[in-house]
Amino acid sequence: MGMLNNFFNKAVKENMYPFGSKECGNFLREVYKDSIDDTIILTEGINYKLII
């Protein structure tokens, strides 16, 4: 989670948009316009799969 927070903090700081502002929301929508809007339920075996 820290890595994700660092990314968002850097993106927001570099573009001078306060987190939570309309401009920040527009920036994030533009950056992630090709992202998938699905929820993925992780199984208990996910740790094993990530390690291998």
PDB file of N, CA and C in Angstrom:
ATOM      1  N   MET A   1       0.825  -1.197   0.000  1.00  0.00           N
ATOM      2  CA  MET A   1       0.000   0.000   0.000  1.00  0.00           C
ATOM      3  C   MET A   1       0.864   1.253   0.000  1.00  0.00           C
ATOM      4  N   GLY A   2       2.013   1.207   0.644  1.00  0.00           N
ATOM      5  CA  GLY A   2       2.902   2.353   0.691  1.00  0.00           C
ATOM      6  C   GLY A   2       3.398   2.748  -0.686  1.00  0.00           C
ATOM      7  N   MET A   3       3.679   1.749  -1.532  1.00  0.00           N
ATOM      8  CA  MET A   3       4.148   2.018  -2.878  1.00  0.00           C
ATOM      9  C   MET A   3       3.068   2.747  -3.680  1.00  0.00           C
ATOM     10  N   LEU A   4       1.827   2.326  -3.504  1.00  0.00           N
ATOM     11  CA  LEU A   4       0.711   2.971  -4.197  1.00  0.00           C
ATOM     12  C   LEU A   4       0.532   4.401  -3.709  1.00  0.00           C
ATOM     13  N   ASN A   5       0.618   4.607  -2.406  1.00  0.00           N
ATOM     14  CA  ASN A   5       0.507   5.957  -1.847  1.00  0.00           C
ATOM     15  C   ASN A   5       1.625   6.855  -2.369  1.00  0.00           C
ATOM     16  N   ASN A   6       2.836   6.316  -2.446  1.00  0.00           N
ATOM     17  CA  ASN A   6       3.962   7.104  -2.956  1.00  0.00           C
ATOM     18  C   ASN A   6       3.719   7.521  -4.395  1.00  0.00           C
ATOM     19  N   PHE A   7       3.174   6.619  -5.202  1.00  0.00           N
ATOM     20  CA  PHE A   7       2.894   6.941  -6.593  1.00  0.00           C
ATOM     21  C   PHE A   7       1.877   8.067  -6.691  1.00  0.00           C
ATOM     22  N   PHE A   8       0.768   7.922  -5.947  1.00  0.00           N
ATOM     23  CA  PHE A   8      -0.264   8.949  -5.996  1.00  0.00           C
ATOM     24  C   PHE A   8       0.251  10.282  -5.487  1.00  0.00           C
ATOM     25  N   ASN A   9       1.015  10.262  -4.404  1.00  0.00           N
ATOM     26  CA  ASN A   9       1.564  11.501  -3.871  1.00  0.00           C
ATOM     27  C   ASN A   9       2.466  12.179  -4.897  1.00  0.00           C
ATOM     28  N   LYS A  10       3.300  11.399  -5.578  1.00  0.00           N
ATOM     29  CA  LYS A  10       4.189  11.951  -6.592  1.00  0.00           C
ATOM     30  C   LYS A  10       3.384  12.510  -7.756  1.00  0.00           C
ATOM     31  N   ALA A  11       2.412  11.766  -8.234  1.00  0.00           N
ATOM     32  CA  ALA A  11       1.603  12.216  -9.371  1.00  0.00           C
ATOM     33  C   ALA A  11       0.860  13.495  -9.031  1.00  0.00           C
ATOM     34  N   VAL A  12       0.313  13.551  -7.836  1.00  0.00           N
ATOM     35  CA  VAL A  12      -0.449  14.735  -7.435  1.00  0.00           C
ATOM     36  C   VAL A  12       0.484  15.927  -7.247  1.00  0.00           C
ATOM     37  N   LYS A  13       1.637  15.719  -6.620  1.00  0.00           N
ATOM     38  CA  LYS A  13       2.577  16.817  -6.389  1.00  0.00           C
ATOM     39  C   LYS A  13       3.135  17.356  -7.698  1.00  0.00           C
ATOM     40  N   GLU A  14       3.501  16.464  -8.613  1.00  0.00           N
ATOM     41  CA  GLU A  14       4.073  16.895  -9.877  1.00  0.00           C
ATOM     42  C   GLU A  14       3.075  17.692 -10.705  1.00  0.00           C
ATOM     43  N   ASN A  15       1.810  17.412 -10.549  1.00  0.00           N
ATOM     44  CA  ASN A  15       0.798  18.096 -11.338  1.00  0.00           C
ATOM     45  C   ASN A  15       0.083  19.185 -10.545  1.00  0.00           C
ATOM     46  N   MET A  16       0.515  19.408  -9.329  1.00  0.00           N
ATOM     47  CA  MET A  16       0.004  20.496  -8.495  1.00  0.00           C
ATOM     48  C   MET A  16      -1.503  20.422  -8.240  1.00  0.00           C
ATOM     49  N   TYR A  17      -2.068  19.217  -8.215  1.00  0.00           N
ATOM     50  CA  TYR A  17      -3.490  19.055  -7.939  1.00  0.00           C
ATOM     51  C   TYR A  17      -3.670  18.541  -6.520  1.00  0.00           C
ATOM     52  N   PRO A  18      -4.365  19.256  -5.668  1.00  0.00           N
ATOM     53  CA  PRO A  18      -4.604  18.763  -4.312  1.00  0.00           C
ATOM     54  C   PRO A  18      -5.449  17.496  -4.355  1.00  0.00           C
ATOM     55  N   PHE A  19      -5.053  16.514  -3.573  1.00  0.00           N
ATOM     56  CA  PHE A  19      -5.787  15.253  -3.546  1.00  0.00           C
ATOM     57  C   PHE A  19      -7.230  15.519  -3.131  1.00  0.00           C
ATOM     58  N   GLY A  20      -8.156  14.974  -3.888  1.00  0.00           N
ATOM     59  CA  GLY A  20      -9.569  15.174  -3.609  1.00  0.00           C
ATOM     60  C   GLY A  20     -10.189  16.294  -4.431  1.00  0.00           C
ATOM     61  N   SER A  21      -9.352  17.055  -5.136  1.00  0.00           N
ATOM     62  CA  SER A  21      -9.882  18.147  -5.944  1.00  0.00           C
ATOM     63  C   SER A  21     -10.436  17.606  -7.262  1.00  0.00           C
ATOM     64  N   LYS A  22     -11.256  18.415  -7.905  1.00  0.00           N
ATOM     65  CA  LYS A  22     -11.819  18.047  -9.202  1.00  0.00           C
ATOM     66  C   LYS A  22     -10.695  17.822 -10.218  1.00  0.00           C
ATOM     67  N   GLU A  23      -9.693  18.675 -10.178  1.00  0.00           N
ATOM     68  CA  GLU A  23      -8.572  18.557 -11.107  1.00  0.00           C
ATOM     69  C   GLU A  23      -7.810  17.254 -10.896  1.00  0.00           C
ATOM     70  N   CYS A  24      -7.623  16.874  -9.638  1.00  0.00           N
ATOM     71  CA  CYS A  24      -6.947  15.615  -9.326  1.00  0.00           C
ATOM     72  C   CYS A  24      -7.763  14.438  -9.865  1.00  0.00           C
ATOM     73  N   GLY A  25      -9.073  14.474  -9.664  1.00  0.00           N
ATOM     74  CA  GLY A  25      -9.946  13.418 -10.180  1.00  0.00           C
ATOM     75  C   GLY A  25      -9.867  13.316 -11.684  1.00  0.00           C
ATOM     76  N   ASN A  26      -9.871  14.461 -12.363  1.00  0.00           N
ATOM     77  CA  ASN A  26      -9.750  14.467 -13.821  1.00  0.00           C
ATOM     78  C   ASN A  26      -8.410  13.894 -14.266  1.00  0.00           C
ATOM     79  N   PHE A  27      -7.348  14.264 -13.554  1.00  0.00           N
ATOM     80  CA  PHE A  27      -6.008  13.752 -13.867  1.00  0.00           C
ATOM     81  C   PHE A  27      -5.967  12.234 -13.730  1.00  0.00           C
ATOM     82  N   LEU A  28      -6.487  11.712 -12.624  1.00  0.00           N
ATOM     83  CA  LEU A  28      -6.465  10.269 -12.404  1.00  0.00           C
ATOM     84  C   LEU A  28      -7.340   9.532 -13.413  1.00  0.00           C
ATOM     85  N   ARG A  29      -8.490  10.100 -13.757  1.00  0.00           N
ATOM     86  CA  ARG A  29      -9.339   9.470 -14.779  1.00  0.00           C
ATOM     87  C   ARG A  29      -8.619   9.405 -16.125  1.00  0.00           C
ATOM     88  N   GLU A  30      -7.879  10.454 -16.454  1.00  0.00           N
ATOM     89  CA  GLU A  30      -7.135  10.472 -17.718  1.00  0.00           C
ATOM     90  C   GLU A  30      -5.996   9.450 -17.698  1.00  0.00           C
ATOM     91  N   VAL A  31      -5.252   9.409 -16.591  1.00  0.00           N
ATOM     92  CA  VAL A  31      -4.116   8.498 -16.481  1.00  0.00           C
ATOM     93  C   VAL A  31      -4.580   7.043 -16.541  1.00  0.00           C
ATOM     94  N   TYR A  32      -5.717   6.739 -15.910  1.00  0.00           N
ATOM     95  CA  TYR A  32      -6.187   5.359 -15.822  1.00  0.00           C
ATOM     96  C   TYR A  32      -7.403   5.092 -16.709  1.00  0.00           C
ATOM     97  N   LYS A  33      -7.524   5.825 -17.830  1.00  0.00           N
ATOM     98  CA  LYS A  33      -8.690   5.669 -18.690  1.00  0.00           C
ATOM     99  C   LYS A  33      -8.792   4.274 -19.303  1.00  0.00           C
ATOM    100  N   ASP A  34      -7.698   3.558 -19.425  1.00  0.00           N
ATOM    101  CA  ASP A  34      -7.714   2.213 -19.988  1.00  0.00           C
ATOM    102  C   ASP A  34      -7.750   1.116 -18.930  1.00  0.00           C
ATOM    103  N   SER A  35      -7.945   1.489 -17.680  1.00  0.00           N
ATOM    104  CA  SER A  35      -7.967   0.492 -16.613  1.00  0.00           C
ATOM    105  C   SER A  35      -9.267  -0.305 -16.641  1.00  0.00           C
ATOM    106  N   ILE A  36      -9.242  -1.436 -15.987  1.00  0.00           N
ATOM    107  CA  ILE A  36     -10.393  -2.329 -15.931  1.00  0.00           C
ATOM    108  C   ILE A  36     -11.192  -2.014 -14.674  1.00  0.00           C
ATOM    109  N   ASP A  37     -12.476  -1.833 -14.817  1.00  0.00           N
ATOM    110  CA  ASP A  37     -13.338  -1.476 -13.691  1.00  0.00           C
ATOM    111  C   ASP A  37     -14.068  -2.714 -13.152  1.00  0.00           C
ATOM    112  N   ASP A  38     -13.303  -3.745 -12.826  1.00  0.00           N
ATOM    113  CA  ASP A  38     -13.861  -4.983 -12.284  1.00  0.00           C
ATOM    114  C   ASP A  38     -13.298  -5.225 -10.899  1.00  0.00           C
ATOM    115  N   THR A  39     -14.064  -5.910 -10.091  1.00  0.00           N
ATOM    116  CA  THR A  39     -13.613  -6.318  -8.766  1.00  0.00           C
ATOM    117  C   THR A  39     -13.132  -7.757  -8.849  1.00  0.00           C
ATOM    118  N   ILE A  40     -11.965  -8.024  -8.302  1.00  0.00           N
ATOM    119  CA  ILE A  40     -11.410  -9.369  -8.301  1.00  0.00           C
ATOM    120  C   ILE A  40     -11.332  -9.848  -6.860  1.00  0.00           C
ATOM    121  N   ILE A  41     -11.973 -10.949  -6.570  1.00  0.00           N
ATOM    122  CA  ILE A  41     -11.922 -11.537  -5.231  1.00  0.00           C
ATOM    123  C   ILE A  41     -10.681 -12.422  -5.144  1.00  0.00           C
ATOM    124  N   LEU A  42      -9.809 -12.100  -4.209  1.00  0.00           N
ATOM    125  CA  LEU A  42      -8.583 -12.869  -4.033  1.00  0.00           C
ATOM    126  C   LEU A  42      -8.851 -14.097  -3.178  1.00  0.00           C
ATOM    127  N   THR A  43      -8.255 -15.211  -3.554  1.00  0.00           N
ATOM    128  CA  THR A  43      -8.431 -16.457  -2.811  1.00  0.00           C
ATOM    129  C   THR A  43      -7.366 -16.570  -1.725  1.00  0.00           C
ATOM    130  N   GLU A  44      -7.542 -17.544  -0.860  1.00  0.00           N
ATOM    131  CA  GLU A  44      -6.573 -17.748   0.225  1.00  0.00           C
ATOM    132  C   GLU A  44      -5.199 -18.151  -0.306  1.00  0.00           C
ATOM    133  N   GLY A  45      -5.141 -18.745  -1.473  1.00  0.00           N
ATOM    134  CA  GLY A  45      -3.865 -19.200  -2.043  1.00  0.00           C
ATOM    135  C   GLY A  45      -3.086 -18.120  -2.758  1.00  0.00           C
ATOM    136  N   ILE A  46      -3.540 -16.882  -2.689  1.00  0.00           N
ATOM    137  CA  ILE A  46      -2.884 -15.810  -3.433  1.00  0.00           C
ATOM    138  C   ILE A  46      -1.435 -15.597  -2.975  1.00  0.00           C
ATOM    139  N   ASN A  47      -1.161 -15.735  -1.687  1.00  0.00           N
ATOM    140  CA  ASN A  47       0.215 -15.557  -1.193  1.00  0.00           C
ATOM    141  C   ASN A  47       1.154 -16.551  -1.832  1.00  0.00           C
ATOM    142  N   TYR A  48       0.714 -17.788  -1.956  1.00  0.00           N
ATOM    143  CA  TYR A  48       1.533 -18.824  -2.574  1.00  0.00           C
ATOM    144  C   TYR A  48       1.807 -18.479  -4.025  1.00  0.00           C
ATOM    145  N   LYS A  49       0.797 -18.016  -4.741  1.00  0.00           N
ATOM    146  CA  LYS A  49       0.960 -17.678  -6.155  1.00  0.00           C
ATOM    147  C   LYS A  49       1.876 -16.474  -6.341  1.00  0.00           C
ATOM    148  N   LEU A  50       1.838 -15.532  -5.428  1.00  0.00           N
ATOM    149  CA  LEU A  50       2.685 -14.343  -5.538  1.00  0.00           C
ATOM    150  C   LEU A  50       4.150 -14.663  -5.264  1.00  0.00           C
ATOM    151  N   ILE A  51       4.393 -15.627  -4.404  1.00  0.00           N
ATOM    152  CA  ILE A  51       5.768 -15.985  -4.040  1.00  0.00           C
ATOM    153  C   ILE A  51       6.448 -16.758  -5.168  1.00  0.00           C
ATOM    154  N   ILE A  52       5.705 -17.581  -5.855  1.00  0.00           N
ATOM    155  CA  ILE A  52       6.299 -18.444  -6.902  1.00  0.00           C
ATOM    156  C   ILE A  52       6.435 -17.733  -8.177  1.00  0.00           C
TER     157      ILE A  52
END
